Amino acid sequence: SGGSLDSVLHTLIVEKFMAASSIITVSSGGEYVVRVSGVNPQLVDFMKKPLSPITTLVLAASAMVLGKPLKLVREEVRGATLEVAMGVAG
């Protein structure tokens, strides 16, 4: 489905949208955690609201790549770093 989750998210968020400087994706036990680091300073304020645009993009792109419906488990913001945890819905 067009590459690994990590590479697809990197292409979208880092290369195409220039929204952050790096992406790290970890999966364990049916949960996927995506750490978006070096978020563009112009977007940091948007991360302070629940379900930020970057989180929405991560969820949508991840569901497409994995071919599974996903639900948001956790969204944490620390400075210019966003951590999104997702689980398979259903």
PDB file of N, CA and C in Angstrom:
ATOM      1  N   SER A   1       0.831  -1.214   0.000  1.00  0.00           N
ATOM      2  CA  SER A   1       0.000   0.000   0.000  1.00  0.00           C
ATOM      3  C   SER A   1       0.861   1.257   0.000  1.00  0.00           C
ATOM      4  N   GLY A   2       1.836   1.286  -0.899  1.00  0.00           N
ATOM      5  CA  GLY A   2       2.592   2.512  -1.098  1.00  0.00           C
ATOM      6  C   GLY A   2       3.724   2.746  -0.122  1.00  0.00           C
ATOM      7  N   GLY A   3       4.188   1.714   0.578  1.00  0.00           N
ATOM      8  CA  GLY A   3       5.326   1.893   1.470  1.00  0.00           C
ATOM      9  C   GLY A   3       4.965   1.695   2.924  1.00  0.00           C
ATOM     10  N   SER A   4       5.989   1.717   3.768  1.00  0.00           N
ATOM     11  CA  SER A   4       5.773   1.530   5.195  1.00  0.00           C
ATOM     12  C   SER A   4       5.113   2.772   5.794  1.00  0.00           C
ATOM     13  N   LEU A   5       4.481   2.579   6.923  1.00  0.00           N
ATOM     14  CA  LEU A   5       3.814   3.691   7.607  1.00  0.00           C
ATOM     15  C   LEU A   5       4.805   4.817   7.880  1.00  0.00           C
ATOM     16  N   ASP A   6       5.979   4.461   8.379  1.00  0.00           N
ATOM     17  CA  ASP A   6       6.992   5.464   8.696  1.00  0.00           C
ATOM     18  C   ASP A   6       7.371   6.290   7.460  1.00  0.00           C
ATOM     19  N   SER A   7       7.612   5.612   6.337  1.00  0.00           N
ATOM     20  CA  SER A   7       8.048   6.345   5.138  1.00  0.00           C
ATOM     21  C   SER A   7       6.928   7.192   4.548  1.00  0.00           C
ATOM     22  N   VAL A   8       5.696   6.692   4.594  1.00  0.00           N
ATOM     23  CA  VAL A   8       4.564   7.472   4.071  1.00  0.00           C
ATOM     24  C   VAL A   8       4.345   8.723   4.918  1.00  0.00           C
ATOM     25  N   LEU A   9       4.363   8.576   6.244  1.00  0.00           N
ATOM     26  CA  LEU A   9       4.174   9.738   7.115  1.00  0.00           C
ATOM     27  C   LEU A   9       5.317  10.732   6.953  1.00  0.00           C
ATOM     28  N   HIS A  10       6.538  10.227   6.790  1.00  0.00           N
ATOM     29  CA  HIS A  10       7.687  11.117   6.583  1.00  0.00           C
ATOM     30  C   HIS A  10       7.510  11.910   5.285  1.00  0.00           C
ATOM     31  N   THR A  11       7.124  11.216   4.223  1.00  0.00           N
ATOM     32  CA  THR A  11       6.920  11.895   2.933  1.00  0.00           C
ATOM     33  C   THR A  11       5.856  12.981   3.050  1.00  0.00           C
ATOM     34  N   LEU A  12       4.729  12.650   3.683  1.00  0.00           N
ATOM     35  CA  LEU A  12       3.624  13.615   3.802  1.00  0.00           C
ATOM     36  C   LEU A  12       3.968  14.784   4.719  1.00  0.00           C
ATOM     37  N   ILE A  13       4.332  14.473   5.953  1.00  0.00           N
ATOM     38  CA  ILE A  13       4.442  15.501   6.988  1.00  0.00           C
ATOM     39  C   ILE A  13       5.755  16.279   6.912  1.00  0.00           C
ATOM     40  N   VAL A  14       6.857  15.581   6.623  1.00  0.00           N
ATOM     41  CA  VAL A  14       8.163  16.249   6.599  1.00  0.00           C
ATOM     42  C   VAL A  14       8.458  16.840   5.221  1.00  0.00           C
ATOM     43  N   GLU A  15       8.306  16.025   4.167  1.00  0.00           N
ATOM     44  CA  GLU A  15       8.711  16.473   2.835  1.00  0.00           C
ATOM     45  C   GLU A  15       7.665  17.325   2.120  1.00  0.00           C
ATOM     46  N   LYS A  16       6.413  16.849   2.073  1.00  0.00           N
ATOM     47  CA  LYS A  16       5.396  17.578   1.297  1.00  0.00           C
ATOM     48  C   LYS A  16       4.833  18.791   2.030  1.00  0.00           C
ATOM     49  N   PHE A  17       4.448  18.601   3.304  1.00  0.00           N
ATOM     50  CA  PHE A  17       3.812  19.696   4.046  1.00  0.00           C
ATOM     51  C   PHE A  17       4.801  20.533   4.852  1.00  0.00           C
ATOM     52  N   MET A  18       6.036  20.033   5.010  1.00  0.00           N
ATOM     53  CA  MET A  18       7.060  20.719   5.806  1.00  0.00           C
ATOM     54  C   MET A  18       6.514  21.128   7.176  1.00  0.00           C
ATOM     55  N   ALA A  19       5.737  20.221   7.776  1.00  0.00           N
ATOM     56  CA  ALA A  19       5.097  20.496   9.058  1.00  0.00           C
ATOM     57  C   ALA A  19       5.983  20.127  10.240  1.00  0.00           C
ATOM     58  N   ALA A  20       7.019  19.314   9.999  1.00  0.00           N
ATOM     59  CA  ALA A  20       7.903  18.875  11.080  1.00  0.00           C
ATOM     60  C   ALA A  20       9.234  18.440  10.484  1.00  0.00           C
ATOM     61  N   SER A  21      10.212  18.191  11.375  1.00  0.00           N
ATOM     62  CA  SER A  21      11.528  17.787  10.870  1.00  0.00           C
ATOM     63  C   SER A  21      11.765  16.283  10.929  1.00  0.00           C
ATOM     64  N   SER A  22      11.018  15.559  11.771  1.00  0.00           N
ATOM     65  CA  SER A  22      11.204  14.106  11.800  1.00  0.00           C
ATOM     66  C   SER A  22       9.971  13.379  12.320  1.00  0.00           C
ATOM     67  N   ILE A  23       9.889  12.115  11.928  1.00  0.00           N
ATOM     68  CA  ILE A  23       8.781  11.235  12.314  1.00  0.00           C
ATOM     69  C   ILE A  23       9.393   9.918  12.779  1.00  0.00           C
ATOM     70  N   ILE A  24       8.908   9.414  13.898  1.00  0.00           N
ATOM     71  CA  ILE A  24       9.297   8.077  14.348  1.00  0.00           C
ATOM     72  C   ILE A  24       8.003   7.318  14.622  1.00  0.00           C
ATOM     73  N   THR A  25       7.899   6.106  14.078  1.00  0.00           N
ATOM     74  CA  THR A  25       6.708   5.287  14.261  1.00  0.00           C
ATOM     75  C   THR A  25       7.090   3.984  14.952  1.00  0.00           C
ATOM     76  N   VAL A  26       6.350   3.642  16.004  1.00  0.00           N
ATOM     77  CA  VAL A  26       6.590   2.398  16.733  1.00  0.00           C
ATOM     78  C   VAL A  26       5.253   1.684  16.865  1.00  0.00           C
ATOM     79  N   SER A  27       5.257   0.364  16.644  1.00  0.00           N
ATOM     80  CA  SER A  27       4.017  -0.383  16.859  1.00  0.00           C
ATOM     81  C   SER A  27       4.289  -1.527  17.818  1.00  0.00           C
ATOM     82  N   SER A  28       3.337  -1.741  18.724  1.00  0.00           N
ATOM     83  CA  SER A  28       3.443  -2.881  19.631  1.00  0.00           C
ATOM     84  C   SER A  28       2.060  -3.231  20.138  1.00  0.00           C
ATOM     85  N   GLY A  29       1.751  -4.504  20.077  1.00  0.00           N
ATOM     86  CA  GLY A  29       0.497  -5.006  20.614  1.00  0.00           C
ATOM     87  C   GLY A  29      -0.742  -4.332  20.066  1.00  0.00           C
ATOM     88  N   GLY A  30      -0.780  -4.075  18.774  1.00  0.00           N
ATOM     89  CA  GLY A  30      -1.968  -3.470  18.168  1.00  0.00           C
ATOM     90  C   GLY A  30      -2.082  -1.975  18.367  1.00  0.00           C
ATOM     91  N   GLU A  31      -1.080  -1.371  19.015  1.00  0.00           N
ATOM     92  CA  GLU A  31      -1.086   0.083  19.165  1.00  0.00           C
ATOM     93  C   GLU A  31       0.058   0.668  18.345  1.00  0.00           C
ATOM     94  N   TYR A  32      -0.215   1.775  17.714  1.00  0.00           N
ATOM     95  CA  TYR A  32       0.778   2.472  16.902  1.00  0.00           C
ATOM     96  C   TYR A  32       1.036   3.831  17.537  1.00  0.00           C
ATOM     97  N   VAL A  33       2.304   4.153  17.747  1.00  0.00           N
ATOM     98  CA  VAL A  33       2.664   5.449  18.320  1.00  0.00           C
ATOM     99  C   VAL A  33       3.520   6.189  17.306  1.00  0.00           C
ATOM    100  N   VAL A  34       3.104   7.401  16.979  1.00  0.00           N
ATOM    101  CA  VAL A  34       3.836   8.233  16.033  1.00  0.00           C
ATOM    102  C   VAL A  34       4.320   9.467  16.782  1.00  0.00           C
ATOM    103  N   ARG A  35       5.645   9.680  16.761  1.00  0.00           N
ATOM    104  CA  ARG A  35       6.219  10.871  17.390  1.00  0.00           C
ATOM    105  C   ARG A  35       6.651  11.819  16.283  1.00  0.00           C
ATOM    106  N   VAL A  36       6.029  12.991  16.273  1.00  0.00           N
ATOM    107  CA  VAL A  36       6.316  14.028  15.284  1.00  0.00           C
ATOM    108  C   VAL A  36       7.163  15.080  15.992  1.00  0.00           C
ATOM    109  N   SER A  37       8.417  15.227  15.572  1.00  0.00           N
ATOM    110  CA  SER A  37       9.337  16.143  16.252  1.00  0.00           C
ATOM    111  C   SER A  37       9.701  17.326  15.370  1.00  0.00           C
ATOM    112  N   GLY A  38      10.095  18.406  16.030  1.00  0.00           N
ATOM    113  CA  GLY A  38      10.501  19.599  15.293  1.00  0.00           C
ATOM    114  C   GLY A  38       9.357  20.193  14.497  1.00  0.00           C
ATOM    115  N   VAL A  39       8.184  20.252  15.137  1.00  0.00           N
ATOM    116  CA  VAL A  39       7.008  20.796  14.453  1.00  0.00           C
ATOM    117  C   VAL A  39       7.273  22.250  14.066  1.00  0.00           C
ATOM    118  N   ASN A  40       6.881  22.592  12.862  1.00  0.00           N
ATOM    119  CA  ASN A  40       7.020  23.948  12.324  1.00  0.00           C
ATOM    120  C   ASN A  40       6.442  24.941  13.338  1.00  0.00           C
ATOM    121  N   PRO A  41       7.221  25.953  13.746  1.00  0.00           N
ATOM    122  CA  PRO A  41       6.751  26.918  14.752  1.00  0.00           C
ATOM    123  C   PRO A  41       5.399  27.549  14.409  1.00  0.00           C
ATOM    124  N   GLN A  42       5.098  27.694  13.131  1.00  0.00           N
ATOM    125  CA  GLN A  42       3.808  28.275  12.732  1.00  0.00           C
ATOM    126  C   GLN A  42       2.639  27.348  13.054  1.00  0.00           C
ATOM    127  N   LEU A  43       2.921  26.063  13.295  1.00  0.00           N
ATOM    128  CA  LEU A  43       1.854  25.091  13.553  1.00  0.00           C
ATOM    129  C   LEU A  43       1.727  24.706  15.023  1.00  0.00           C
ATOM    130  N   VAL A  44       2.684  25.129  15.854  1.00  0.00           N
ATOM    131  CA  VAL A  44       2.682  24.714  17.260  1.00  0.00           C
ATOM    132  C   VAL A  44       1.392  25.130  17.969  1.00  0.00           C
ATOM    133  N   ASP A  45       0.881  26.327  17.703  1.00  0.00           N
ATOM    134  CA  ASP A  45      -0.365  26.768  18.349  1.00  0.00           C
ATOM    135  C   ASP A  45      -1.537  25.855  18.008  1.00  0.00           C
ATOM    136  N   PHE A  46      -1.562  25.312  16.791  1.00  0.00           N
ATOM    137  CA  PHE A  46      -2.648  24.412  16.390  1.00  0.00           C
ATOM    138  C   PHE A  46      -2.617  23.110  17.181  1.00  0.00           C
ATOM    139  N   MET A  47      -1.441  22.723  17.674  1.00  0.00           N
ATOM    140  CA  MET A  47      -1.315  21.471  18.418  1.00  0.00           C
ATOM    141  C   MET A  47      -1.894  21.582  19.819  1.00  0.00           C
ATOM    142  N   LYS A  48      -2.170  22.789  20.274  1.00  0.00           N
ATOM    143  CA  LYS A  48      -2.679  22.975  21.632  1.00  0.00           C
ATOM    144  C   LYS A  48      -4.164  22.637  21.740  1.00  0.00           C
ATOM    145  N   LYS A  49      -4.820  22.477  20.596  1.00  0.00           N
ATOM    146  CA  LYS A  49      -6.236  22.116  20.584  1.00  0.00           C
ATOM    147  C   LYS A  49      -6.345  20.608  20.354  1.00  0.00           C
ATOM    148  N   PRO A  50      -7.369  19.971  20.953  1.00  0.00           N
ATOM    149  CA  PRO A  50      -7.539  18.533  20.726  1.00  0.00           C
ATOM    150  C   PRO A  50      -7.734  18.238  19.239  1.00  0.00           C
ATOM    151  N   LEU A  51      -7.240  17.100  18.820  1.00  0.00           N
ATOM    152  CA  LEU A  51      -7.331  16.649  17.429  1.00  0.00           C
ATOM    153  C   LEU A  51      -6.783  17.709  16.475  1.00  0.00           C
ATOM    154  N   SER A  52      -5.517  18.015  16.659  1.00  0.00           N
ATOM    155  CA  SER A  52      -4.842  19.011  15.824  1.00  0.00           C
ATOM    156  C   SER A  52      -4.803  18.547  14.369  1.00  0.00           C
ATOM    157  N   PRO A  53      -4.567  19.463  13.440  1.00  0.00           N
ATOM    158  CA  PRO A  53      -4.492  19.072  12.023  1.00  0.00           C
ATOM    159  C   PRO A  53      -3.425  18.006  11.762  1.00  0.00           C
ATOM    160  N   ILE A  54      -2.312  18.065  12.489  1.00  0.00           N
ATOM    161  CA  ILE A  54      -1.269  17.054  12.285  1.00  0.00           C
ATOM    162  C   ILE A  54      -1.762  15.693  12.774  1.00  0.00           C
ATOM    163  N   THR A  55      -2.446  15.659  13.908  1.00  0.00           N
ATOM    164  CA  THR A  55      -3.003  14.404  14.419  1.00  0.00           C
ATOM    165  C   THR A  55      -4.001  13.826  13.432  1.00  0.00           C
ATOM    166  N   THR A  56      -4.860  14.672  12.882  1.00  0.00           N
ATOM    167  CA  THR A  56      -5.852  14.224  11.905  1.00  0.00           C
ATOM    168  C   THR A  56      -5.162  13.621  10.685  1.00  0.00           C
ATOM    169  N   LEU A  57      -4.113  14.278  10.213  1.00  0.00           N
ATOM    170  CA  LEU A  57      -3.353  13.778   9.067  1.00  0.00           C
ATOM    171  C   LEU A  57      -2.691  12.440   9.394  1.00  0.00           C
ATOM    172  N   VAL A  58      -2.104  12.329  10.583  1.00  0.00           N
ATOM    173  CA  VAL A  58      -1.468  11.077  11.007  1.00  0.00           C
ATOM    174  C   VAL A  58      -2.497   9.948  11.045  1.00  0.00           C
ATOM    175  N   LEU A  59      -3.664  10.193  11.644  1.00  0.00           N
ATOM    176  CA  LEU A  59      -4.710   9.167  11.734  1.00  0.00           C
ATOM    177  C   LEU A  59      -5.196   8.731  10.356  1.00  0.00           C
ATOM    178  N   ALA A  60      -5.509   9.696   9.502  1.00  0.00           N
ATOM    179  CA  ALA A  60      -6.050   9.384   8.174  1.00  0.00           C
ATOM    180  C   ALA A  60      -5.030   8.634   7.321  1.00  0.00           C
ATOM    181  N   ALA A  61      -3.798   9.129   7.287  1.00  0.00           N
ATOM    182  CA  ALA A  61      -2.763   8.482   6.472  1.00  0.00           C
ATOM    183  C   ALA A  61      -2.442   7.089   7.012  1.00  0.00           C
ATOM    184  N   SER A  62      -2.397   6.949   8.334  1.00  0.00           N
ATOM    185  CA  SER A  62      -2.091   5.652   8.940  1.00  0.00           C
ATOM    186  C   SER A  62      -3.177   4.632   8.621  1.00  0.00           C
ATOM    187  N   ALA A  63      -4.429   5.039   8.717  1.00  0.00           N
ATOM    188  CA  ALA A  63      -5.541   4.136   8.404  1.00  0.00           C
ATOM    189  C   ALA A  63      -5.467   3.677   6.948  1.00  0.00           C
ATOM    190  N   MET A  64      -5.113   4.592   6.048  1.00  0.00           N
ATOM    191  CA  MET A  64      -4.995   4.228   4.633  1.00  0.00           C
ATOM    192  C   MET A  64      -3.845   3.251   4.409  1.00  0.00           C
ATOM    193  N   VAL A  65      -2.679   3.541   4.982  1.00  0.00           N
ATOM    194  CA  VAL A  65      -1.505   2.686   4.784  1.00  0.00           C
ATOM    195  C   VAL A  65      -1.728   1.301   5.385  1.00  0.00           C
ATOM    196  N   LEU A  66      -2.289   1.258   6.586  1.00  0.00           N
ATOM    197  CA  LEU A  66      -2.481  -0.010   7.286  1.00  0.00           C
ATOM    198  C   LEU A  66      -3.709  -0.766   6.797  1.00  0.00           C
ATOM    199  N   GLY A  67      -4.625  -0.045   6.125  1.00  0.00           N
ATOM    200  CA  GLY A  67      -5.847  -0.680   5.645  1.00  0.00           C
ATOM    201  C   GLY A  67      -6.763  -1.109   6.776  1.00  0.00           C
ATOM    202  N   LYS A  68      -6.709  -0.370   7.892  1.00  0.00           N
ATOM    203  CA  LYS A  68      -7.520  -0.693   9.072  1.00  0.00           C
ATOM    204  C   LYS A  68      -8.133   0.583   9.618  1.00  0.00           C
ATOM    205  N   PRO A  69      -9.347   0.493  10.179  1.00  0.00           N
ATOM    206  CA  PRO A  69      -9.898   1.666  10.862  1.00  0.00           C
ATOM    207  C   PRO A  69      -9.145   1.878  12.175  1.00  0.00           C
ATOM    208  N   LEU A  70      -8.761   3.118  12.439  1.00  0.00           N
ATOM    209  CA  LEU A  70      -8.000   3.426  13.649  1.00  0.00           C
ATOM    210  C   LEU A  70      -8.753   4.406  14.527  1.00  0.00           C
ATOM    211  N   LYS A  71      -8.492   4.325  15.826  1.00  0.00           N
ATOM    212  CA  LYS A  71      -9.054   5.302  16.764  1.00  0.00           C
ATOM    213  C   LYS A  71      -7.906   5.958  17.513  1.00  0.00           C
ATOM    214  N   LEU A  72      -8.121   7.195  17.888  1.00  0.00           N
ATOM    215  CA  LEU A  72      -7.125   7.931  18.660  1.00  0.00           C
ATOM    216  C   LEU A  72      -7.153   7.434  20.098  1.00  0.00           C
ATOM    217  N   VAL A  73      -6.002   7.028  20.609  1.00  0.00           N
ATOM    218  CA  VAL A  73      -5.887   6.573  21.990  1.00  0.00           C
ATOM    219  C   VAL A  73      -5.353   7.704  22.866  1.00  0.00           C
ATOM    220  N   ARG A  74      -4.358   8.434  22.321  1.00  0.00           N
ATOM    221  CA  ARG A  74      -3.720   9.492  23.105  1.00  0.00           C
ATOM    222  C   ARG A  74      -3.088  10.505  22.167  1.00  0.00           C
ATOM    223  N   GLU A  75      -3.152  11.752  22.564  1.00  0.00           N
ATOM    224  CA  GLU A  75      -2.508  12.839  21.822  1.00  0.00           C
ATOM    225  C   GLU A  75      -1.791  13.700  22.858  1.00  0.00           C
ATOM    226  N   GLU A  76      -0.455  13.727  22.809  1.00  0.00           N
ATOM    227  CA  GLU A  76       0.326  14.487  23.793  1.00  0.00           C
ATOM    228  C   GLU A  76       1.221  15.487  23.091  1.00  0.00           C
ATOM    229  N   VAL A  77       1.247  16.697  23.623  1.00  0.00           N
ATOM    230  CA  VAL A  77       2.104  17.746  23.078  1.00  0.00           C
ATOM    231  C   VAL A  77       3.127  18.136  24.132  1.00  0.00           C
ATOM    232  N   ARG A  78       4.392  18.123  23.737  1.00  0.00           N
ATOM    233  CA  ARG A  78       5.469  18.598  24.607  1.00  0.00           C
ATOM    234  C   ARG A  78       6.342  19.522  23.771  1.00  0.00           C
ATOM    235  N   GLY A  79       6.166  20.810  23.955  1.00  0.00           N
ATOM    236  CA  GLY A  79       6.928  21.774  23.161  1.00  0.00           C
ATOM    237  C   GLY A  79       6.597  21.645  21.690  1.00  0.00           C
ATOM    238  N   ALA A  80       7.630  21.375  20.875  1.00  0.00           N
ATOM    239  CA  ALA A  80       7.431  21.231  19.430  1.00  0.00           C
ATOM    240  C   ALA A  80       7.362  19.761  19.029  1.00  0.00           C
ATOM    241  N   THR A  81       6.993  18.902  19.995  1.00  0.00           N
ATOM    242  CA  THR A  81       6.863  17.469  19.720  1.00  0.00           C
ATOM    243  C   THR A  81       5.427  17.032  19.982  1.00  0.00           C
ATOM    244  N   LEU A  82       4.899  16.263  19.053  1.00  0.00           N
ATOM    245  CA  LEU A  82       3.548  15.723  19.162  1.00  0.00           C
ATOM    246  C   LEU A  82       3.656  14.210  19.154  1.00  0.00           C
ATOM    247  N   GLU A  83       2.999  13.561  20.115  1.00  0.00           N
ATOM    248  CA  GLU A  83       2.966  12.103  20.128  1.00  0.00           C
ATOM    249  C   GLU A  83       1.519  11.666  19.988  1.00  0.00           C
ATOM    250  N   VAL A  84       1.275  10.834  18.987  1.00  0.00           N
ATOM    251  CA  VAL A  84      -0.071  10.349  18.696  1.00  0.00           C
ATOM    252  C   VAL A  84      -0.068   8.834  18.850  1.00  0.00           C
ATOM    253  N   ALA A  85      -0.938   8.319  19.726  1.00  0.00           N
ATOM    254  CA  ALA A  85      -1.086   6.874  19.884  1.00  0.00           C
ATOM    255  C   ALA A  85      -2.435   6.473  19.308  1.00  0.00           C
ATOM    256  N   MET A  86      -2.418   5.423  18.483  1.00  0.00           N
ATOM    257  CA  MET A  86      -3.633   4.960  17.812  1.00  0.00           C
ATOM    258  C   MET A  86      -3.791   3.466  18.040  1.00  0.00           C
ATOM    259  N   GLY A  87      -5.041   3.025  18.034  1.00  0.00           N
ATOM    260  CA  GLY A  87      -5.321   1.600  18.119  1.00  0.00           C
ATOM    261  C   GLY A  87      -6.314   1.230  17.041  1.00  0.00           C
ATOM    262  N   VAL A  88      -6.357  -0.057  16.723  1.00  0.00           N
ATOM    263  CA  VAL A  88      -7.308  -0.522  15.715  1.00  0.00           C
ATOM    264  C   VAL A  88      -8.710  -0.410  16.298  1.00  0.00           C
ATOM    265  N   ALA A  89      -9.607   0.217  15.546  1.00  0.00           N
ATOM    266  CA  ALA A  89     -10.988   0.413  16.010  1.00  0.00           C
ATOM    267  C   ALA A  89     -11.784  -0.868  15.797  1.00  0.00           C
ATOM    268  N   GLY A  90     -12.750  -1.095  16.690  1.00  0.00           N
ATOM    269  CA  GLY A  90     -13.660  -2.211  16.487  1.00  0.00           C
ATOM    270  C   GLY A  90     -13.336  -3.422  17.233  1.00  0.00           C
TER     271      GLY A  90
END
